[in-house]
Amino acid sequence: MNAIDLNGQKAVVTGGANGIGYAVAERLCRSGARVAIWDLNAEQGEKAAAELGKNGKVVYLAVDITNPESVVETLTRTEEQVGPIDIVVNSAGIAGMYTTVEDYPIEEWNRVIDINLNGTFYVNRAVVPGMRKRGYGRICNIASIAGKEGNPNASAYSASKGGVIALTKSLGKELADYDIAVNCVTPA
């Protein structure tokens, strides 16, 4: 494994209890960062923090990223436990239902958009002021190739991830004069 020196860095990984988020949290820990796993699933979050805690300083904090107040409150608790945040990886997300646009339930559409797009916005909105004040930050939003291409029978997922891509571009341009890098990856 190639080496990345993240000693002294403090990171938040949303959706860090499993999947891509867990792998990112693991890599950050192995690279020396202190990591806060933000996830709604307490059982998986506690388990992930216990497993990863062997490789570095890891804490789990329960958060509902669809609730902006929950995000701000969790950021406050994170900074009390871990310190000011240098790195954020927005990995929390869901695929949602697979069906045609005409059959897609509105409630399911709203749920997917709320978690994947609004949640990413709320987390970015919460962490940027501190990063700007400190003059440093690294943000990585996880999207999907579906956000670029649009997958059939996955309209909400595709739309939400397309929104994440556009949000990332906008935020990156807003922060271009600061030492705050904003990027997006689109796993396929």
Foldseek 3Di string as FASTA:
>chain_A
DDADAPAPAEEEQEVCLDDPNVVVLLNCLQNHYAYEYEYQDPVSQVVSQVVSVVSHHYHYDYADLLDLVRLLVVQVVCCVVRNQHAEYEYDWADQFFFDAPVPDDPVRLCVRLSGLAVSVVSNCVNRVVSCVVVLHHEYEYEAAVCCVVPDHRRNSNNVNSVNVQVVQVVVQVVCVVTNYHGYYDHYD
